[in-house]
Amino acid sequence: MDGVLFNSMPNHARAWEIVMARHGLHFTQRDCYLAEGCTSRDVILNTYKAQQPDRQVSLEEVEAFYKEKGEKFVELGGAQPMPGAYEVLKAIQAAGKQIWLVTGSAQLTLLDQLNHAFPGIFVRERMITAFECPHGKPRPEPYLKAWESSGLKKEECCVIENAPLGLQAARAAGLFTVILNTGPLQYEDFAPWKPDVFLPSMQALLDYLPKLI
């Protein structure tokens, strides 16, 4: 979702950086891009574990931390649709292919947000979120759940990702993976997990789409 459907990662990265600093944690915008795909719960707990290993963090603290980060994200401007994403989605839909969303998000308003930005594309039954898979990427479970629910063979599926952890999850699930690199990372950040296709922009994806569908 973030970084593919929505041009939201710059504001997510800045929001994480600011709120982490408030809590005495060092977390750069690059760290955010490298951690993208994790659930927010895992981002918070992993950062505490790495930097304050003796600190016991309660579920209530995690929820308050996530709420604070979400408020800062909205304050910074939130999310806008990624230019060209709707054209890609409509082309996939016109080809008669299933469209699934696999995200670490736990936003209760997610479907409304998607329907507003991309009308007629998404249905709740084809969304795998943090509610369905609380232990998200880089674990393969979210993509495996989408694949199993689709009724398709693995070779009939294609994952479009922009994050190294998402790539790791998709590859661990045994799925063909296209990296759409819409952020500041380099190919070297993705190379350990060997993406099948590496594209530099949404326009490049739109041009490549006939080979996928």
C-alpha atoms as a PDB file:
ATOM      1  CA  MET A   1       0.000   0.000   0.000  1.00  0.00           C
ATOM      2  CA  ASP A   2       2.451   2.674   1.209  1.00  0.00           C
ATOM      3  CA  GLY A   3       5.003   3.430  -1.474  1.00  0.00           C
ATOM      4  CA  VAL A   4       3.033   1.577  -4.173  1.00  0.00           C
ATOM      5  CA  LEU A   5      -0.582   2.737  -4.029  1.00  0.00           C
ATOM      6  CA  PHE A   6       0.051   5.838  -1.924  1.00  0.00           C
ATOM      7  CA  ASN A   7       2.921   8.314  -2.044  1.00  0.00           C
ATOM      8  CA  SER A   8       2.963   8.277   1.743  1.00  0.00           C
ATOM      9  CA  MET A   9       6.416   7.044   2.693  1.00  0.00           C
ATOM     10  CA  PRO A  10       8.119  10.467   3.018  1.00  0.00           C
ATOM     11  CA  ASN A  11       5.541  11.526   5.618  1.00  0.00           C
ATOM     12  CA  HIS A  12       5.648   8.137   7.360  1.00  0.00           C
ATOM     13  CA  ALA A  13       9.443   8.336   7.531  1.00  0.00           C
ATOM     14  CA  ARG A  14       9.455  11.866   8.944  1.00  0.00           C
ATOM     15  CA  ALA A  15       6.702  11.025  11.446  1.00  0.00           C
ATOM     16  CA  TRP A  16       8.580   7.973  12.724  1.00  0.00           C
ATOM     17  CA  GLU A  17      11.815   9.954  12.994  1.00  0.00           C
ATOM     18  CA  ILE A  18      10.167  12.731  15.039  1.00  0.00           C
ATOM     19  CA  VAL A  19       8.149  10.495  17.373  1.00  0.00           C
ATOM     20  CA  MET A  20      10.993   8.029  17.957  1.00  0.00           C
ATOM     21  CA  ALA A  21      13.211  10.962  19.000  1.00  0.00           C
ATOM     22  CA  ARG A  22      10.555  12.090  21.490  1.00  0.00           C
ATOM     23  CA  HIS A  23      10.892   8.682  23.133  1.00  0.00           C
ATOM     24  CA  GLY A  24      14.672   8.753  23.200  1.00  0.00           C
ATOM     25  CA  LEU A  25      15.113   6.456  20.215  1.00  0.00           C
ATOM     26  CA  HIS A  26      17.266   7.004  17.136  1.00  0.00           C
ATOM     27  CA  PHE A  27      15.378   6.175  13.948  1.00  0.00           C
ATOM     28  CA  THR A  28      16.308   7.719  10.612  1.00  0.00           C
ATOM     29  CA  GLN A  29      14.158   8.082   7.530  1.00  0.00           C
ATOM     30  CA  ARG A  30      16.297   5.411   5.845  1.00  0.00           C
ATOM     31  CA  ASP A  31      15.541   3.119   8.802  1.00  0.00           C
ATOM     32  CA  CYS A  32      11.865   3.661   8.044  1.00  0.00           C
ATOM     33  CA  TYR A  33      12.212   2.577   4.421  1.00  0.00           C
ATOM     34  CA  LEU A  34      14.193  -0.493   5.475  1.00  0.00           C
ATOM     35  CA  ALA A  35      11.566  -1.384   8.099  1.00  0.00           C
ATOM     36  CA  GLU A  36       8.616  -0.760   5.791  1.00  0.00           C
ATOM     37  CA  GLY A  37       6.257  -3.710   5.653  1.00  0.00           C
ATOM     38  CA  CYS A  38       6.570  -4.546   9.341  1.00  0.00           C
ATOM     39  CA  THR A  39       3.546  -3.913  11.483  1.00  0.00           C
ATOM     40  CA  SER A  40       3.865  -0.715  13.505  1.00  0.00           C
ATOM     41  CA  ARG A  41       3.891  -2.861  16.640  1.00  0.00           C
ATOM     42  CA  ASP A  42       6.992  -4.679  15.386  1.00  0.00           C
ATOM     43  CA  VAL A  43       8.698  -1.422  14.366  1.00  0.00           C
ATOM     44  CA  ILE A  44       8.255  -0.031  17.883  1.00  0.00           C
ATOM     45  CA  LEU A  45       9.206  -3.208  19.748  1.00  0.00           C
ATOM     46  CA  ASN A  46      12.178  -3.981  17.492  1.00  0.00           C
ATOM     47  CA  THR A  47      13.553  -0.462  17.951  1.00  0.00           C
ATOM     48  CA  TYR A  48      13.237  -0.661  21.729  1.00  0.00           C
ATOM     49  CA  LYS A  49      14.816  -4.123  21.716  1.00  0.00           C
ATOM     50  CA  ALA A  50      17.802  -2.873  19.707  1.00  0.00           C
ATOM     51  CA  GLN A  51      18.380   0.376  21.606  1.00  0.00           C
ATOM     52  CA  GLN A  52      16.895  -0.139  25.077  1.00  0.00           C
ATOM     53  CA  PRO A  53      16.990  -3.912  25.573  1.00  0.00           C
ATOM     54  CA  ASP A  54      16.229  -3.729  29.292  1.00  0.00           C
ATOM     55  CA  ARG A  55      13.107  -1.662  28.740  1.00  0.00           C
ATOM     56  CA  GLN A  56       9.826  -3.533  29.168  1.00  0.00           C
ATOM     57  CA  VAL A  57       7.224  -2.074  26.817  1.00  0.00           C
ATOM     58  CA  SER A  58       3.545  -2.719  27.526  1.00  0.00           C
ATOM     59  CA  LEU A  59       0.826  -3.173  24.926  1.00  0.00           C
ATOM     60  CA  GLU A  60      -0.752   0.066  26.159  1.00  0.00           C
ATOM     61  CA  GLU A  61       2.504   1.931  25.550  1.00  0.00           C
ATOM     62  CA  VAL A  62       2.777   0.502  22.045  1.00  0.00           C
ATOM     63  CA  GLU A  63      -0.786   1.577  21.238  1.00  0.00           C
ATOM     64  CA  ALA A  64      -0.159   5.092  22.582  1.00  0.00           C
ATOM     65  CA  PHE A  65       3.094   5.301  20.627  1.00  0.00           C
ATOM     66  CA  TYR A  66       1.328   4.222  17.413  1.00  0.00           C
ATOM     67  CA  LYS A  67      -1.458   6.758  18.005  1.00  0.00           C
ATOM     68  CA  GLU A  68       1.125   9.518  18.497  1.00  0.00           C
ATOM     69  CA  LYS A  69       2.922   8.547  15.300  1.00  0.00           C
ATOM     70  CA  GLY A  70      -0.369   8.466  13.381  1.00  0.00           C
ATOM     71  CA  GLU A  71      -1.267  11.953  14.551  1.00  0.00           C
ATOM     72  CA  LYS A  72       2.120  13.277  13.431  1.00  0.00           C
ATOM     73  CA  PHE A  73       1.695  11.546  10.055  1.00  0.00           C
ATOM     74  CA  VAL A  74      -1.640  13.308   9.495  1.00  0.00           C
ATOM     75  CA  GLU A  75      -0.164  16.603  10.656  1.00  0.00           C
ATOM     76  CA  LEU A  76       2.612  16.265   8.049  1.00  0.00           C
ATOM     77  CA  GLY A  77       0.112  15.754   5.246  1.00  0.00           C
ATOM     78  CA  GLY A  78      -0.785  12.070   5.373  1.00  0.00           C
ATOM     79  CA  ALA A  79      -1.087  10.090   2.154  1.00  0.00           C
ATOM     80  CA  GLN A  80      -1.945  10.937  -1.432  1.00  0.00           C
ATOM     81  CA  PRO A  81      -2.489   8.403  -4.236  1.00  0.00           C
ATOM     82  CA  MET A  82       0.679   7.469  -6.095  1.00  0.00           C
ATOM     83  CA  PRO A  83       0.558   9.018  -9.604  1.00  0.00           C
ATOM     84  CA  GLY A  84      -0.160   6.275 -12.131  1.00  0.00           C
ATOM     85  CA  ALA A  85      -1.295   3.693  -9.569  1.00  0.00           C
ATOM     86  CA  TYR A  86      -4.960   3.838 -10.586  1.00  0.00           C
ATOM     87  CA  GLU A  87      -4.034   3.309 -14.245  1.00  0.00           C
ATOM     88  CA  VAL A  88      -2.013   0.219 -13.278  1.00  0.00           C
ATOM     89  CA  LEU A  89      -4.874  -1.146 -11.175  1.00  0.00           C
ATOM     90  CA  LYS A  90      -7.453  -0.575 -13.908  1.00  0.00           C
ATOM     91  CA  ALA A  91      -5.233  -2.327 -16.458  1.00  0.00           C
ATOM     92  CA  ILE A  92      -4.854  -5.348 -14.171  1.00  0.00           C
ATOM     93  CA  GLN A  93      -8.589  -5.385 -13.499  1.00  0.00           C
ATOM     94  CA  ALA A  94      -9.396  -5.092 -17.223  1.00  0.00           C
ATOM     95  CA  ALA A  95      -7.232  -8.162 -17.856  1.00  0.00           C
ATOM     96  CA  GLY A  96      -9.522 -10.145 -15.545  1.00  0.00           C
ATOM     97  CA  LYS A  97      -6.920 -10.660 -12.819  1.00  0.00           C
ATOM     98  CA  GLN A  98      -7.566 -10.779  -9.093  1.00  0.00           C
ATOM     99  CA  ILE A  99      -6.216  -7.810  -7.134  1.00  0.00           C
ATOM    100  CA  TRP A 100      -5.180  -8.404  -3.536  1.00  0.00           C
ATOM    101  CA  LEU A 101      -3.823  -5.937  -0.995  1.00  0.00           C
ATOM    102  CA  VAL A 102      -1.240  -7.304   1.454  1.00  0.00           C
ATOM    103  CA  THR A 103      -0.323  -4.680   4.036  1.00  0.00           C
ATOM    104  CA  GLY A 104       0.951  -4.364   7.586  1.00  0.00           C
ATOM    105  CA  SER A 105      -1.594  -1.625   8.200  1.00  0.00           C
ATOM    106  CA  ALA A 106      -4.169  -1.845  10.977  1.00  0.00           C
ATOM    107  CA  GLN A 107      -6.265   1.142   9.883  1.00  0.00           C
ATOM    108  CA  LEU A 108      -9.968   0.556  10.492  1.00  0.00           C
ATOM    109  CA  THR A 109     -10.805   3.025   7.703  1.00  0.00           C
ATOM    110  CA  LEU A 110      -8.503   1.362   5.182  1.00  0.00           C
ATOM    111  CA  LEU A 111     -11.198   0.165   2.773  1.00  0.00           C
ATOM    112  CA  ASP A 112     -12.897   3.577   2.746  1.00  0.00           C
ATOM    113  CA  GLN A 113      -9.544   5.204   2.007  1.00  0.00           C
ATOM    114  CA  LEU A 114      -8.853   2.790  -0.846  1.00  0.00           C
ATOM    115  CA  ASN A 115     -12.335   3.145  -2.326  1.00  0.00           C
ATOM    116  CA  HIS A 116     -12.001   6.923  -2.265  1.00  0.00           C
ATOM    117  CA  ALA A 117      -8.631   6.879  -4.041  1.00  0.00           C
ATOM    118  CA  PHE A 118      -9.245   3.877  -6.319  1.00  0.00           C
ATOM    119  CA  PRO A 119     -13.004   3.428  -6.799  1.00  0.00           C
ATOM    120  CA  GLY A 120     -14.215   0.034  -7.923  1.00  0.00           C
ATOM    121  CA  ILE A 121     -10.941  -1.817  -7.360  1.00  0.00           C
ATOM    122  CA  PHE A 122     -10.717  -3.239  -3.838  1.00  0.00           C
ATOM    123  CA  VAL A 123     -13.019  -5.465  -1.783  1.00  0.00           C
ATOM    124  CA  ARG A 124     -12.518  -6.355   1.874  1.00  0.00           C
ATOM    125  CA  GLU A 125     -12.415 -10.085   1.111  1.00  0.00           C
ATOM    126  CA  ARG A 126      -9.208  -9.570  -0.880  1.00  0.00           C
ATOM    127  CA  MET A 127      -7.287  -7.629   1.745  1.00  0.00           C
ATOM    128  CA  ILE A 128      -4.728  -9.123   4.110  1.00  0.00           C
ATOM    129  CA  THR A 129      -3.973  -6.629   6.887  1.00  0.00           C
ATOM    130  CA  ALA A 130      -2.452  -6.658  10.371  1.00  0.00           C
ATOM    131  CA  PHE A 131      -5.835  -7.883  11.619  1.00  0.00           C
ATOM    132  CA  GLU A 132      -5.549 -11.099   9.580  1.00  0.00           C
ATOM    133  CA  CYS A 133      -1.783 -11.525  10.101  1.00  0.00           C
ATOM    134  CA  PRO A 134      -0.555  -9.799  13.257  1.00  0.00           C
ATOM    135  CA  HIS A 135       2.915 -11.226  12.595  1.00  0.00           C
ATOM    136  CA  GLY A 136       3.611  -9.548   9.273  1.00  0.00           C
ATOM    137  CA  LYS A 137       6.441  -9.067   6.828  1.00  0.00           C
ATOM    138  CA  PRO A 138       9.262 -10.178   6.533  1.00  0.00           C
ATOM    139  CA  ARG A 139       7.480 -13.373   7.526  1.00  0.00           C
ATOM    140  CA  PRO A 140       5.835 -15.038   4.506  1.00  0.00           C
ATOM    141  CA  GLU A 141       2.457 -15.582   6.197  1.00  0.00           C
ATOM    142  CA  PRO A 142       0.651 -12.504   4.796  1.00  0.00           C
ATOM    143  CA  TYR A 143       1.506 -13.409   1.203  1.00  0.00           C
ATOM    144  CA  LEU A 144       0.842 -17.095   1.781  1.00  0.00           C
ATOM    145  CA  LYS A 145      -2.592 -16.227   3.176  1.00  0.00           C
ATOM    146  CA  ALA A 146      -3.406 -14.119   0.107  1.00  0.00           C
ATOM    147  CA  TRP A 147      -2.175 -16.834  -2.255  1.00  0.00           C
ATOM    148  CA  GLU A 148      -4.072 -19.612  -0.478  1.00  0.00           C
ATOM    149  CA  SER A 149      -7.256 -17.522  -0.419  1.00  0.00           C
ATOM    150  CA  SER A 150      -6.960 -16.700  -4.127  1.00  0.00           C
ATOM    151  CA  GLY A 151      -7.311 -20.305  -5.258  1.00  0.00           C
ATOM    152  CA  LEU A 152      -4.552 -19.745  -7.822  1.00  0.00           C
ATOM    153  CA  LYS A 153      -1.317 -21.597  -8.456  1.00  0.00           C
ATOM    154  CA  LYS A 154       1.799 -19.805  -7.277  1.00  0.00           C
ATOM    155  CA  GLU A 155       3.027 -19.417 -10.839  1.00  0.00           C
ATOM    156  CA  GLU A 156      -0.170 -17.485 -11.622  1.00  0.00           C
ATOM    157  CA  CYS A 157       0.604 -14.856  -8.973  1.00  0.00           C
ATOM    158  CA  CYS A 158       2.770 -11.734  -8.971  1.00  0.00           C
ATOM    159  CA  VAL A 159       3.679  -9.577  -5.996  1.00  0.00           C
ATOM    160  CA  ILE A 160       4.371  -5.868  -6.544  1.00  0.00           C
ATOM    161  CA  GLU A 161       6.498  -4.546  -3.689  1.00  0.00           C
ATOM    162  CA  ASN A 162       8.583  -1.490  -2.875  1.00  0.00           C
ATOM    163  CA  ALA A 163      10.186  -2.600   0.392  1.00  0.00           C
ATOM    164  CA  PRO A 164      13.061  -4.985   1.152  1.00  0.00           C
ATOM    165  CA  LEU A 165      11.090  -6.677   3.947  1.00  0.00           C
ATOM    166  CA  GLY A 166       8.119  -7.115   1.625  1.00  0.00           C
ATOM    167  CA  LEU A 167      10.415  -8.642  -0.979  1.00  0.00           C
ATOM    168  CA  GLN A 168      11.852 -10.968   1.638  1.00  0.00           C
ATOM    169  CA  ALA A 169       8.332 -12.046   2.630  1.00  0.00           C
ATOM    170  CA  ALA A 170       7.207 -12.616  -0.961  1.00  0.00           C
ATOM    171  CA  ARG A 171      10.322 -14.592  -1.865  1.00  0.00           C
ATOM    172  CA  ALA A 172       9.958 -16.702   1.285  1.00  0.00           C
ATOM    173  CA  ALA A 173       6.399 -17.425   0.152  1.00  0.00           C
ATOM    174  CA  GLY A 174       7.760 -18.657  -3.183  1.00  0.00           C
ATOM    175  CA  LEU A 175       6.087 -15.958  -5.283  1.00  0.00           C
ATOM    176  CA  PHE A 176       7.238 -14.043  -8.382  1.00  0.00           C
ATOM    177  CA  THR A 177       8.113 -10.539  -7.235  1.00  0.00           C
ATOM    178  CA  VAL A 178       8.387  -7.176  -8.984  1.00  0.00           C
ATOM    179  CA  ILE A 179      10.133  -4.410  -7.058  1.00  0.00           C
ATOM    180  CA  LEU A 180       8.728  -0.957  -7.727  1.00  0.00           C
ATOM    181  CA  ASN A 181      11.399   1.293  -6.250  1.00  0.00           C
ATOM    182  CA  THR A 182       9.589   4.542  -5.444  1.00  0.00           C
ATOM    183  CA  GLY A 183      11.854   5.582  -2.560  1.00  0.00           C
ATOM    184  CA  PRO A 184      15.508   6.429  -1.862  1.00  0.00           C
ATOM    185  CA  LEU A 185      16.788   2.862  -1.578  1.00  0.00           C
ATOM    186  CA  GLN A 186      19.159   1.299  -4.098  1.00  0.00           C
ATOM    187  CA  TYR A 187      19.156  -2.059  -5.856  1.00  0.00           C
ATOM    188  CA  GLU A 188      21.780  -3.244  -3.374  1.00  0.00           C
ATOM    189  CA  ASP A 189      19.196  -2.948  -0.574  1.00  0.00           C
ATOM    190  CA  PHE A 190      17.018  -5.507  -2.378  1.00  0.00           C
ATOM    191  CA  ALA A 191      19.708  -7.692  -3.953  1.00  0.00           C
ATOM    192  CA  PRO A 192      20.000 -10.294  -1.141  1.00  0.00           C
ATOM    193  CA  TRP A 193      16.458 -11.502  -1.915  1.00  0.00           C
ATOM    194  CA  LYS A 194      16.850 -11.504  -5.712  1.00  0.00           C
ATOM    195  CA  PRO A 195      13.752  -9.731  -7.067  1.00  0.00           C
ATOM    196  CA  ASP A 196      12.538 -11.197 -10.348  1.00  0.00           C
ATOM    197  CA  VAL A 197      12.041  -7.719 -11.821  1.00  0.00           C
ATOM    198  CA  PHE A 198      13.364  -4.350 -10.595  1.00  0.00           C
ATOM    199  CA  LEU A 199      11.622  -1.202 -11.865  1.00  0.00           C
ATOM    200  CA  PRO A 200      12.437   2.455 -11.072  1.00  0.00           C
ATOM    201  CA  SER A 201       9.000   4.079 -11.331  1.00  0.00           C
ATOM    202  CA  MET A 202       5.244   3.619 -11.688  1.00  0.00           C
ATOM    203  CA  GLN A 203       5.504   4.531 -15.371  1.00  0.00           C
ATOM    204  CA  ALA A 204       8.065   1.758 -15.804  1.00  0.00           C
ATOM    205  CA  LEU A 205       5.582  -0.649 -14.191  1.00  0.00           C
ATOM    206  CA  LEU A 206       2.819   0.513 -16.509  1.00  0.00           C
ATOM    207  CA  ASP A 207       5.115  -0.072 -19.499  1.00  0.00           C
ATOM    208  CA  TYR A 208       6.116  -3.520 -18.191  1.00  0.00           C
ATOM    209  CA  LEU A 209       2.573  -4.590 -17.305  1.00  0.00           C
ATOM    210  CA  PRO A 210       1.757  -6.375 -20.616  1.00  0.00           C
ATOM    211  CA  LYS A 211       4.510  -8.880 -19.793  1.00  0.00           C
ATOM    212  CA  LEU A 212       2.833  -9.647 -16.466  1.00  0.00           C
ATOM    213  CA  ILE A 213      -0.820  -9.851 -17.432  1.00  0.00           C
END
